[in-house]
PDB file of N, CA and C in Angstrom:
ATOM      1  N   UNK A   1       2.903 -45.120   8.655  1.00  0.00           N
ATOM      2  CA  UNK A   1       3.351 -45.283   7.569  1.00  0.00           C
ATOM      3  C   UNK A   1       1.820 -45.137   6.538  1.00  0.00           C
ATOM      4  N   UNK A   2       2.179 -44.639   5.780  1.00  0.00           N
ATOM      5  CA  UNK A   2       1.502 -44.328   4.465  1.00  0.00           C
ATOM      6  C   UNK A   2       0.756 -45.055   3.207  1.00  0.00           C
ATOM      7  N   UNK A   3      -0.155 -44.549   2.598  1.00  0.00           N
ATOM      8  CA  UNK A   3      -0.359 -46.102   1.293  1.00  0.00           C
ATOM      9  C   UNK A   3       0.594 -45.055   0.393  1.00  0.00           C
ATOM     10  N   UNK A   4       0.842 -45.970  -0.423  1.00  0.00           N
ATOM     11  CA  UNK A   4       1.858 -46.085  -1.317  1.00  0.00           C
ATOM     12  C   UNK A   4       0.916 -44.568  -2.795  1.00  0.00           C
ATOM     13  N   UNK A   5      -0.126 -45.059  -2.517  1.00  0.00           N
ATOM     14  CA  UNK A   5      -0.493 -43.977  -3.561  1.00  0.00           C
ATOM     15  C   UNK A   5      -0.327 -42.835  -2.331  1.00  0.00           C
ATOM     16  N   UNK A   6      -0.867 -42.269  -1.391  1.00  0.00           N
ATOM     17  CA  UNK A   6      -0.715 -40.959  -1.157  1.00  0.00           C
ATOM     18  C   UNK A   6       0.450 -40.610  -0.886  1.00  0.00           C
ATOM     19  N   UNK A   7       1.256 -41.803  -0.867  1.00  0.00           N
ATOM     20  CA  UNK A   7       2.738 -40.881  -0.412  1.00  0.00           C
ATOM     21  C   UNK A   7       3.220 -40.621  -1.984  1.00  0.00           C
ATOM     22  N   UNK A   8       2.861 -41.083  -2.852  1.00  0.00           N
ATOM     23  CA  UNK A   8       2.758 -40.734  -4.148  1.00  0.00           C
ATOM     24  C   UNK A   8       2.720 -39.472  -4.288  1.00  0.00           C
ATOM     25  N   UNK A   9       1.099 -38.906  -4.168  1.00  0.00           N
ATOM     26  CA  UNK A   9       0.272 -38.085  -4.535  1.00  0.00           C
ATOM     27  C   UNK A   9       1.498 -36.560  -3.852  1.00  0.00           C
ATOM     28  N   UNK A  10       1.563 -36.981  -2.298  1.00  0.00           N
ATOM     29  CA  UNK A  10       2.349 -36.205  -1.714  1.00  0.00           C
ATOM     30  C   UNK A  10       4.085 -35.782  -2.088  1.00  0.00           C
ATOM     31  N   UNK A  11       4.108 -36.883  -2.709  1.00  0.00           N
ATOM     32  CA  UNK A  11       5.666 -36.746  -3.440  1.00  0.00           C
ATOM     33  C   UNK A  11       5.510 -35.388  -4.784  1.00  0.00           C
ATOM     34  N   UNK A  12       4.765 -35.743  -5.737  1.00  0.00           N
ATOM     35  CA  UNK A  12       4.301 -35.076  -6.731  1.00  0.00           C
ATOM     36  C   UNK A  12       4.149 -34.013  -6.686  1.00  0.00           C
ATOM     37  N   UNK A  13       2.952 -33.489  -5.090  1.00  0.00           N
ATOM     38  CA  UNK A  13       2.553 -32.604  -5.145  1.00  0.00           C
ATOM     39  C   UNK A  13       3.383 -31.455  -4.064  1.00  0.00           C
ATOM     40  N   UNK A  14       4.476 -32.003  -3.393  1.00  0.00           N
ATOM     41  CA  UNK A  14       5.733 -31.187  -2.064  1.00  0.00           C
ATOM     42  C   UNK A  14       6.476 -30.619  -3.802  1.00  0.00           C
ATOM     43  N   UNK A  15       6.873 -31.487  -5.197  1.00  0.00           N
ATOM     44  CA  UNK A  15       7.976 -31.638  -5.832  1.00  0.00           C
ATOM     45  C   UNK A  15       7.320 -29.979  -6.796  1.00  0.00           C
ATOM     46  N   UNK A  16       5.928 -30.173  -7.030  1.00  0.00           N
ATOM     47  CA  UNK A  16       5.463 -29.032  -8.112  1.00  0.00           C
ATOM     48  C   UNK A  16       5.341 -27.860  -7.308  1.00  0.00           C
ATOM     49  N   UNK A  17       5.277 -27.641  -5.546  1.00  0.00           N
ATOM     50  CA  UNK A  17       4.994 -26.631  -5.162  1.00  0.00           C
ATOM     51  C   UNK A  17       6.295 -26.190  -5.012  1.00  0.00           C
ATOM     52  N   UNK A  18       7.544 -26.942  -4.674  1.00  0.00           N
ATOM     53  CA  UNK A  18       9.157 -26.213  -4.837  1.00  0.00           C
ATOM     54  C   UNK A  18       9.541 -25.712  -5.932  1.00  0.00           C
ATOM     55  N   UNK A  19       9.366 -26.305  -7.275  1.00  0.00           N
ATOM     56  CA  UNK A  19       9.336 -25.820  -8.532  1.00  0.00           C
ATOM     57  C   UNK A  19       8.452 -24.530  -9.011  1.00  0.00           C
ATOM     58  N   UNK A  20       7.214 -24.906  -8.386  1.00  0.00           N
ATOM     59  CA  UNK A  20       6.907 -23.508  -9.315  1.00  0.00           C
ATOM     60  C   UNK A  20       7.528 -22.249  -8.381  1.00  0.00           C
ATOM     61  N   UNK A  21       7.868 -22.612  -7.284  1.00  0.00           N
ATOM     62  CA  UNK A  21       7.549 -21.501  -6.234  1.00  0.00           C
ATOM     63  C   UNK A  21       9.068 -20.668  -6.901  1.00  0.00           C
ATOM     64  N   UNK A  22       9.738 -21.783  -6.957  1.00  0.00           N
ATOM     65  CA  UNK A  22      11.294 -21.556  -7.874  1.00  0.00           C
ATOM     66  C   UNK A  22      11.018 -20.512  -9.291  1.00  0.00           C
ATOM     67  N   UNK A  23       9.923 -20.992  -9.622  1.00  0.00           N
ATOM     68  CA  UNK A  23       9.946 -20.540 -11.508  1.00  0.00           C
ATOM     69  C   UNK A  23       9.226 -18.723 -10.993  1.00  0.00           C
ATOM     70  N   UNK A  24       8.245 -18.992 -10.112  1.00  0.00           N
ATOM     71  CA  UNK A  24       7.914 -17.700 -10.108  1.00  0.00           C
ATOM     72  C   UNK A  24       8.716 -16.481  -9.065  1.00  0.00           C
ATOM     73  N   UNK A  25       9.672 -16.938  -8.629  1.00  0.00           N
ATOM     74  CA  UNK A  25      10.093 -15.830  -8.284  1.00  0.00           C
ATOM     75  C   UNK A  25      11.147 -15.367  -9.277  1.00  0.00           C
ATOM     76  N   UNK A  26      11.733 -16.512 -10.608  1.00  0.00           N
ATOM     77  CA  UNK A  26      12.591 -16.018 -11.174  1.00  0.00           C
ATOM     78  C   UNK A  26      11.592 -15.631 -12.836  1.00  0.00           C
ATOM     79  N   UNK A  27      10.741 -15.095 -13.023  1.00  0.00           N
ATOM     80  CA  UNK A  27      10.366 -15.810 -13.687  1.00  0.00           C
ATOM     81  C   UNK A  27      10.190 -14.057 -14.233  1.00  0.00           C
ATOM     82  N   UNK A  28       9.751 -12.840 -13.815  1.00  0.00           N
ATOM     83  CA  UNK A  28      10.638 -11.425 -14.126  1.00  0.00           C
ATOM     84  C   UNK A  28      11.782 -11.654 -14.308  1.00  0.00           C
ATOM     85  N   UNK A  29      13.011 -11.336 -13.550  1.00  0.00           N
ATOM     86  CA  UNK A  29      14.241 -10.757 -13.455  1.00  0.00           C
ATOM     87  C   UNK A  29      14.441 -11.749 -15.123  1.00  0.00           C
ATOM     88  N   UNK A  30      14.152 -13.396 -15.417  1.00  0.00           N
ATOM     89  CA  UNK A  30      14.439 -13.795 -16.564  1.00  0.00           C
ATOM     90  C   UNK A  30      14.029 -13.285 -17.795  1.00  0.00           C
ATOM     91  N   UNK A  31      12.432 -12.912 -17.751  1.00  0.00           N
ATOM     92  CA  UNK A  31      11.664 -12.167 -18.871  1.00  0.00           C
ATOM     93  C   UNK A  31      13.109 -10.782 -19.209  1.00  0.00           C
ATOM     94  N   UNK A  32      12.725 -10.334 -18.047  1.00  0.00           N
ATOM     95  CA  UNK A  32      13.827  -8.907 -18.531  1.00  0.00           C
ATOM     96  C   UNK A  32      14.866  -9.236 -19.000  1.00  0.00           C
ATOM     97  N   UNK A  33      16.022 -10.502 -18.515  1.00  0.00           N
ATOM     98  CA  UNK A  33      16.938 -10.698 -19.595  1.00  0.00           C
ATOM     99  C   UNK A  33      17.302 -11.561 -20.838  1.00  0.00           C
ATOM    100  N   UNK A  34      16.051 -12.181 -20.571  1.00  0.00           N
ATOM    101  CA  UNK A  34      15.902 -12.239 -21.745  1.00  0.00           C
ATOM    102  C   UNK A  34      15.152 -11.861 -22.817  1.00  0.00           C
ATOM    103  N   UNK A  35      14.133 -10.669 -23.014  1.00  0.00           N
ATOM    104  CA  UNK A  35      14.070 -10.349 -24.002  1.00  0.00           C
ATOM    105  C   UNK A  35      15.191  -8.937 -24.036  1.00  0.00           C
ATOM    106  N   UNK A  36      16.340  -8.912 -22.771  1.00  0.00           N
ATOM    107  CA  UNK A  36      17.851  -8.078 -23.497  1.00  0.00           C
ATOM    108  C   UNK A  36      18.234  -8.823 -24.503  1.00  0.00           C
ATOM    109  N   UNK A  37      18.425 -10.413 -24.317  1.00  0.00           N
ATOM    110  CA  UNK A  37      19.707 -11.247 -24.985  1.00  0.00           C
ATOM    111  C   UNK A  37      18.291 -11.736 -26.269  1.00  0.00           C
ATOM    112  N   UNK A  38      17.312 -12.060 -26.307  1.00  0.00           N
ATOM    113  CA  UNK A  38      16.292 -12.319 -27.856  1.00  0.00           C
ATOM    114  C   UNK A  38      16.595 -11.357 -28.917  1.00  0.00           C
ATOM    115  N   UNK A  39      15.982  -9.970 -28.548  1.00  0.00           N
ATOM    116  CA  UNK A  39      15.694  -9.297 -29.244  1.00  0.00           C
ATOM    117  C   UNK A  39      14.089  -8.614 -29.352  1.00  0.00           C
ATOM    118  N   UNK A  40      13.918 -10.059 -29.684  1.00  0.00           N
ATOM    119  CA  UNK A  40      12.017  -9.255 -29.950  1.00  0.00           C
ATOM    120  C   UNK A  40      11.374  -9.989 -29.003  1.00  0.00           C
ATOM    121  N   UNK A  41       9.850  -9.873 -28.156  1.00  0.00           N
ATOM    122  CA  UNK A  41       8.958 -10.274 -27.676  1.00  0.00           C
ATOM    123  C   UNK A  41       8.639 -11.688 -27.846  1.00  0.00           C
ATOM    124  N   UNK A  42       8.811 -11.694 -28.905  1.00  0.00           N
ATOM    125  CA  UNK A  42       7.955 -13.792 -29.586  1.00  0.00           C
ATOM    126  C   UNK A  42       9.125 -14.510 -28.564  1.00  0.00           C
ATOM    127  N   UNK A  43      10.176 -14.331 -29.499  1.00  0.00           N
ATOM    128  CA  UNK A  43      11.509 -15.093 -28.756  1.00  0.00           C
ATOM    129  C   UNK A  43      11.899 -15.207 -27.295  1.00  0.00           C
ATOM    130  N   UNK A  44      11.792 -14.121 -26.667  1.00  0.00           N
ATOM    131  CA  UNK A  44      11.608 -13.977 -25.013  1.00  0.00           C
ATOM    132  C   UNK A  44      10.799 -14.586 -24.915  1.00  0.00           C
ATOM    133  N   UNK A  45       9.604 -14.610 -25.141  1.00  0.00           N
ATOM    134  CA  UNK A  45       8.756 -14.954 -23.989  1.00  0.00           C
ATOM    135  C   UNK A  45       8.686 -16.848 -24.240  1.00  0.00           C
ATOM    136  N   UNK A  46       9.502 -16.920 -25.576  1.00  0.00           N
ATOM    137  CA  UNK A  46       9.530 -18.927 -25.707  1.00  0.00           C
ATOM    138  C   UNK A  46      10.081 -18.702 -24.806  1.00  0.00           C
ATOM    139  N   UNK A  47      11.051 -18.441 -25.014  1.00  0.00           N
ATOM    140  CA  UNK A  47      12.555 -18.725 -23.928  1.00  0.00           C
ATOM    141  C   UNK A  47      12.183 -18.608 -22.339  1.00  0.00           C
ATOM    142  N   UNK A  48      11.132 -17.362 -22.068  1.00  0.00           N
ATOM    143  CA  UNK A  48      10.740 -17.820 -20.702  1.00  0.00           C
ATOM    144  C   UNK A  48       9.707 -18.893 -20.731  1.00  0.00           C
ATOM    145  N   UNK A  49       9.280 -18.899 -21.066  1.00  0.00           N
ATOM    146  CA  UNK A  49       7.944 -20.570 -20.804  1.00  0.00           C
ATOM    147  C   UNK A  49       8.440 -21.518 -20.720  1.00  0.00           C
ATOM    148  N   UNK A  50       9.336 -21.996 -22.015  1.00  0.00           N
ATOM    149  CA  UNK A  50      10.811 -23.111 -22.252  1.00  0.00           C
ATOM    150  C   UNK A  50      11.302 -23.141 -20.943  1.00  0.00           C
ATOM    151  N   UNK A  51      11.912 -22.587 -20.021  1.00  0.00           N
ATOM    152  CA  UNK A  51      12.539 -22.430 -19.075  1.00  0.00           C
ATOM    153  C   UNK A  51      11.672 -22.925 -17.663  1.00  0.00           C
ATOM    154  N   UNK A  52       9.968 -21.916 -18.049  1.00  0.00           N
ATOM    155  CA  UNK A  52       9.588 -22.965 -16.969  1.00  0.00           C
ATOM    156  C   UNK A  52       9.241 -23.991 -16.584  1.00  0.00           C
ATOM    157  N   UNK A  53       9.093 -24.205 -17.921  1.00  0.00           N
ATOM    158  CA  UNK A  53       8.310 -25.591 -17.858  1.00  0.00           C
ATOM    159  C   UNK A  53       9.712 -26.657 -17.681  1.00  0.00           C
ATOM    160  N   UNK A  54      11.323 -26.479 -17.890  1.00  0.00           N
ATOM    161  CA  UNK A  54      11.811 -27.604 -17.718  1.00  0.00           C
ATOM    162  C   UNK A  54      12.423 -27.323 -15.872  1.00  0.00           C
ATOM    163  N   UNK A  55      11.861 -26.082 -15.654  1.00  0.00           N
ATOM    164  CA  UNK A  55      12.478 -25.740 -13.962  1.00  0.00           C
ATOM    165  C   UNK A  55      11.023 -26.490 -13.347  1.00  0.00           C
ATOM    166  N   UNK A  56      10.514 -26.731 -14.055  1.00  0.00           N
ATOM    167  CA  UNK A  56       9.087 -26.963 -13.447  1.00  0.00           C
ATOM    168  C   UNK A  56       9.185 -29.156 -13.225  1.00  0.00           C
ATOM    169  N   UNK A  57       9.643 -29.631 -14.517  1.00  0.00           N
ATOM    170  CA  UNK A  57       9.448 -30.771 -15.115  1.00  0.00           C
ATOM    171  C   UNK A  57      11.194 -32.031 -15.025  1.00  0.00           C
ATOM    172  N   UNK A  58      12.480 -30.673 -14.681  1.00  0.00           N
ATOM    173  CA  UNK A  58      13.633 -31.731 -14.330  1.00  0.00           C
ATOM    174  C   UNK A  58      13.329 -31.942 -12.316  1.00  0.00           C
ATOM    175  N   UNK A  59      12.274 -31.039 -11.982  1.00  0.00           N
ATOM    176  CA  UNK A  59      12.734 -32.293 -10.101  1.00  0.00           C
ATOM    177  C   UNK A  59      11.651 -33.325 -10.233  1.00  0.00           C
ATOM    178  N   UNK A  60      10.798 -32.835 -11.366  1.00  0.00           N
ATOM    179  CA  UNK A  60       8.996 -34.383 -11.067  1.00  0.00           C
ATOM    180  C   UNK A  60       9.842 -35.201 -11.678  1.00  0.00           C
ATOM    181  N   UNK A  61      11.373 -35.062 -12.927  1.00  0.00           N
ATOM    182  CA  UNK A  61      11.822 -36.594 -13.113  1.00  0.00           C
ATOM    183  C   UNK A  61      12.652 -37.004 -12.145  1.00  0.00           C
ATOM    184  N   UNK A  62      13.411 -36.150 -11.662  1.00  0.00           N
ATOM    185  CA  UNK A  62      14.637 -36.642 -10.562  1.00  0.00           C
ATOM    186  C   UNK A  62      13.248 -37.318  -9.276  1.00  0.00           C
ATOM    187  N   UNK A  63      12.312 -37.015  -8.519  1.00  0.00           N
ATOM    188  CA  UNK A  63      11.379 -37.544  -8.254  1.00  0.00           C
ATOM    189  C   UNK A  63      10.838 -38.173  -8.978  1.00  0.00           C
ATOM    190  N   UNK A  64      10.353 -38.779  -9.781  1.00  0.00           N
ATOM    191  CA  UNK A  64      10.015 -39.953 -10.388  1.00  0.00           C
ATOM    192  C   UNK A  64      10.799 -41.112 -10.689  1.00  0.00           C
ATOM    193  N   UNK A  65      12.265 -41.315 -10.686  1.00  0.00           N
ATOM    194  CA  UNK A  65      13.103 -41.556 -10.869  1.00  0.00           C
ATOM    195  C   UNK A  65      13.233 -42.792  -9.060  1.00  0.00           C
ATOM    196  N   UNK A  66      13.208 -41.808  -8.320  1.00  0.00           N
ATOM    197  CA  UNK A  66      13.196 -42.548  -7.031  1.00  0.00           C
ATOM    198  C   UNK A  66      12.197 -43.759  -6.502  1.00  0.00           C
ATOM    199  N   UNK A  67      12.551 -44.094  -5.658  1.00  0.00           N
ATOM    200  CA  UNK A  67      11.504 -45.062  -5.168  1.00  0.00           C
ATOM    201  C   UNK A  67      10.720 -44.229  -4.056  1.00  0.00           C
ATOM    202  N   UNK A  68       9.508 -44.353  -3.771  1.00  0.00           N
ATOM    203  CA  UNK A  68       8.710 -43.897  -2.756  1.00  0.00           C
ATOM    204  C   UNK A  68       9.076 -44.333  -1.544  1.00  0.00           C
ATOM    205  N   UNK A  69       9.657 -43.949  -0.816  1.00  0.00           N
ATOM    206  CA  UNK A  69       9.011 -44.432   0.731  1.00  0.00           C
ATOM    207  C   UNK A  69       7.739 -44.107   1.196  1.00  0.00           C
ATOM    208  N   UNK A  70       7.195 -44.996   1.247  1.00  0.00           N
ATOM    209  CA  UNK A  70       5.793 -45.121   3.140  1.00  0.00           C
ATOM    210  C   UNK A  70       6.163 -44.329   4.410  1.00  0.00           C
ATOM    211  N   UNK A  71       7.162 -44.060   4.332  1.00  0.00           N
ATOM    212  CA  UNK A  71       7.777 -43.867   6.050  1.00  0.00           C
ATOM    213  C   UNK A  71       7.712 -42.045   5.704  1.00  0.00           C
ATOM    214  N   UNK A  72       6.834 -41.296   6.907  1.00  0.00           N
ATOM    215  CA  UNK A  72       6.788 -40.002   6.133  1.00  0.00           C
ATOM    216  C   UNK A  72       8.175 -39.029   6.358  1.00  0.00           C
ATOM    217  N   UNK A  73       9.585 -39.649   7.191  1.00  0.00           N
ATOM    218  CA  UNK A  73      10.223 -38.798   7.218  1.00  0.00           C
ATOM    219  C   UNK A  73      10.925 -39.846   6.088  1.00  0.00           C
ATOM    220  N   UNK A  74      11.607 -40.418   5.405  1.00  0.00           N
ATOM    221  CA  UNK A  74      11.768 -40.835   4.441  1.00  0.00           C
ATOM    222  C   UNK A  74      11.619 -39.978   3.434  1.00  0.00           C
ATOM    223  N   UNK A  75       9.930 -40.685   3.037  1.00  0.00           N
ATOM    224  CA  UNK A  75       9.249 -39.816   2.058  1.00  0.00           C
ATOM    225  C   UNK A  75       9.849 -37.901   2.036  1.00  0.00           C
ATOM    226  N   UNK A  76       9.265 -37.139   2.485  1.00  0.00           N
ATOM    227  CA  UNK A  76       9.756 -35.641   2.954  1.00  0.00           C
ATOM    228  C   UNK A  76      11.568 -35.684   2.279  1.00  0.00           C
ATOM    229  N   UNK A  77      12.329 -36.265   3.389  1.00  0.00           N
ATOM    230  CA  UNK A  77      13.503 -36.174   2.892  1.00  0.00           C
ATOM    231  C   UNK A  77      14.331 -36.642   1.584  1.00  0.00           C
ATOM    232  N   UNK A  78      13.890 -37.753   0.551  1.00  0.00           N
ATOM    233  CA  UNK A  78      14.046 -37.796  -0.050  1.00  0.00           C
ATOM    234  C   UNK A  78      13.425 -37.373  -1.435  1.00  0.00           C
ATOM    235  N   UNK A  79      11.884 -36.956  -0.909  1.00  0.00           N
ATOM    236  CA  UNK A  79      11.379 -36.063  -2.167  1.00  0.00           C
ATOM    237  C   UNK A  79      12.371 -34.366  -2.364  1.00  0.00           C
ATOM    238  N   UNK A  80      12.511 -33.788  -1.399  1.00  0.00           N
ATOM    239  CA  UNK A  80      13.145 -32.735  -1.138  1.00  0.00           C
ATOM    240  C   UNK A  80      14.324 -32.748  -1.790  1.00  0.00           C
ATOM    241  N   UNK A  81      15.095 -33.412  -1.363  1.00  0.00           N
ATOM    242  CA  UNK A  81      16.061 -33.777  -2.047  1.00  0.00           C
ATOM    243  C   UNK A  81      16.538 -33.609  -3.134  1.00  0.00           C
ATOM    244  N   UNK A  82      15.854 -35.152  -3.869  1.00  0.00           N
ATOM    245  CA  UNK A  82      15.050 -34.684  -5.723  1.00  0.00           C
ATOM    246  C   UNK A  82      14.982 -33.719  -6.095  1.00  0.00           C
ATOM    247  N   UNK A  83      13.498 -33.285  -5.674  1.00  0.00           N
ATOM    248  CA  UNK A  83      13.247 -31.610  -5.870  1.00  0.00           C
ATOM    249  C   UNK A  83      14.065 -30.473  -6.317  1.00  0.00           C
ATOM    250  N   UNK A  84      14.878 -29.983  -4.656  1.00  0.00           N
ATOM    251  CA  UNK A  84      16.086 -29.534  -4.797  1.00  0.00           C
ATOM    252  C   UNK A  84      17.029 -29.843  -5.599  1.00  0.00           C
ATOM    253  N   UNK A  85      17.182 -30.673  -5.898  1.00  0.00           N
ATOM    254  CA  UNK A  85      18.264 -31.143  -7.058  1.00  0.00           C
ATOM    255  C   UNK A  85      18.481 -30.937  -8.230  1.00  0.00           C
ATOM    256  N   UNK A  86      16.877 -31.204  -9.313  1.00  0.00           N
ATOM    257  CA  UNK A  86      16.235 -31.108 -10.426  1.00  0.00           C
ATOM    258  C   UNK A  86      16.164 -29.517 -10.104  1.00  0.00           C
ATOM    259  N   UNK A  87      15.918 -28.577  -9.296  1.00  0.00           N
ATOM    260  CA  UNK A  87      15.331 -27.473  -9.448  1.00  0.00           C
ATOM    261  C   UNK A  87      17.094 -27.319  -9.735  1.00  0.00           C
ATOM    262  N   UNK A  88      18.375 -27.723  -8.783  1.00  0.00           N
ATOM    263  CA  UNK A  88      19.633 -26.985  -9.043  1.00  0.00           C
ATOM    264  C   UNK A  88      20.127 -27.260 -10.592  1.00  0.00           C
ATOM    265  N   UNK A  89      19.813 -28.565 -11.216  1.00  0.00           N
ATOM    266  CA  UNK A  89      20.260 -28.855 -12.083  1.00  0.00           C
ATOM    267  C   UNK A  89      19.391 -27.441 -13.402  1.00  0.00           C
ATOM    268  N   UNK A  90      18.509 -27.440 -12.991  1.00  0.00           N
ATOM    269  CA  UNK A  90      17.487 -26.826 -14.162  1.00  0.00           C
ATOM    270  C   UNK A  90      18.033 -25.275 -13.969  1.00  0.00           C
ATOM    271  N   UNK A  91      18.855 -24.563 -12.850  1.00  0.00           N
ATOM    272  CA  UNK A  91      19.189 -23.320 -13.247  1.00  0.00           C
ATOM    273  C   UNK A  91      20.735 -23.353 -13.363  1.00  0.00           C
ATOM    274  N   UNK A  92      21.708 -24.560 -13.235  1.00  0.00           N
ATOM    275  CA  UNK A  92      22.916 -24.559 -13.889  1.00  0.00           C
ATOM    276  C   UNK A  92      22.732 -24.664 -14.825  1.00  0.00           C
ATOM    277  N   UNK A  93      21.531 -25.739 -15.777  1.00  0.00           N
ATOM    278  CA  UNK A  93      21.730 -25.058 -17.536  1.00  0.00           C
ATOM    279  C   UNK A  93      21.252 -24.101 -17.894  1.00  0.00           C
ATOM    280  N   UNK A  94      20.149 -23.531 -17.305  1.00  0.00           N
ATOM    281  CA  UNK A  94      19.452 -22.290 -17.730  1.00  0.00           C
ATOM    282  C   UNK A  94      20.844 -20.710 -17.155  1.00  0.00           C
ATOM    283  N   UNK A  95      21.283 -21.224 -16.640  1.00  0.00           N
ATOM    284  CA  UNK A  95      22.486 -20.433 -16.250  1.00  0.00           C
ATOM    285  C   UNK A  95      23.597 -20.377 -17.177  1.00  0.00           C
ATOM    286  N   UNK A  96      23.804 -21.049 -17.546  1.00  0.00           N
ATOM    287  CA  UNK A  96      25.286 -21.415 -18.535  1.00  0.00           C
ATOM    288  C   UNK A  96      24.504 -21.180 -19.898  1.00  0.00           C
ATOM    289  N   UNK A  97      23.563 -21.457 -19.859  1.00  0.00           N
ATOM    290  CA  UNK A  97      22.816 -20.603 -21.482  1.00  0.00           C
ATOM    291  C   UNK A  97      22.774 -19.197 -21.771  1.00  0.00           C
ATOM    292  N   UNK A  98      22.236 -18.635 -20.613  1.00  0.00           N
ATOM    293  CA  UNK A  98      22.208 -17.626 -20.977  1.00  0.00           C
ATOM    294  C   UNK A  98      23.672 -16.417 -20.110  1.00  0.00           C
ATOM    295  N   UNK A  99      24.453 -17.344 -19.512  1.00  0.00           N
ATOM    296  CA  UNK A  99      26.257 -16.678 -19.303  1.00  0.00           C
ATOM    297  C   UNK A  99      27.030 -16.533 -20.755  1.00  0.00           C
ATOM    298  N   UNK A 100      26.896 -17.987 -21.712  1.00  0.00           N
ATOM    299  CA  UNK A 100      27.479 -18.008 -22.448  1.00  0.00           C
ATOM    300  C   UNK A 100      26.812 -17.389 -23.434  1.00  0.00           C
ATOM    301  N   UNK A 101      25.756 -16.984 -23.960  1.00  0.00           N
ATOM    302  CA  UNK A 101      25.241 -15.736 -24.965  1.00  0.00           C
ATOM    303  C   UNK A 101      24.764 -14.188 -24.319  1.00  0.00           C
ATOM    304  N   UNK A 102      25.682 -14.173 -22.610  1.00  0.00           N
ATOM    305  CA  UNK A 102      26.249 -12.643 -22.540  1.00  0.00           C
ATOM    306  C   UNK A 102      27.143 -12.188 -22.974  1.00  0.00           C
ATOM    307  N   UNK A 103      26.867 -10.942 -23.945  1.00  0.00           N
ATOM    308  CA  UNK A 103      28.356  -9.917 -24.291  1.00  0.00           C
ATOM    309  C   UNK A 103      29.232  -9.842 -23.204  1.00  0.00           C
ATOM    310  N   UNK A 104      30.235  -9.944 -23.246  1.00  0.00           N
ATOM    311  CA  UNK A 104      31.480  -9.413 -22.654  1.00  0.00           C
ATOM    312  C   UNK A 104      32.089  -8.449 -22.576  1.00  0.00           C
ATOM    313  N   UNK A 105      32.234  -7.223 -21.838  1.00  0.00           N
ATOM    314  CA  UNK A 105      33.623  -6.235 -22.120  1.00  0.00           C
ATOM    315  C   UNK A 105      34.604  -7.020 -22.325  1.00  0.00           C
ATOM    316  N   UNK A 106      35.538  -6.635 -23.388  1.00  0.00           N
ATOM    317  CA  UNK A 106      36.701  -6.703 -23.758  1.00  0.00           C
ATOM    318  C   UNK A 106      37.736  -6.354 -23.034  1.00  0.00           C
ATOM    319  N   UNK A 107      38.153  -6.859 -22.315  1.00  0.00           N
ATOM    320  CA  UNK A 107      39.015  -7.183 -21.831  1.00  0.00           C
ATOM    321  C   UNK A 107      40.900  -6.372 -22.080  1.00  0.00           C
TER     322      UNK A 107
END
């Protein structure tokens, strides 16, 4: 059994690790793509930072909504589920935004 505060801190640390890892992996390709779509460096930098913040805060929000388990197994399982769902939701939103603004070849 974990103390509630230890469980909470572990939950947030694990979520931050997952979210930051996803943001770091996507930073360079996203920056290149946004530079192409936005036209200026200032705009692309803003949207890259905004996307990174959303990719970190969305999983944190989902983890914050859940009740904290004190069983280590339930804690890790619930945290991973919520964090990965949050990352997936953030990526889906970003993917749709980029897809809807990407020029397509005429058919």
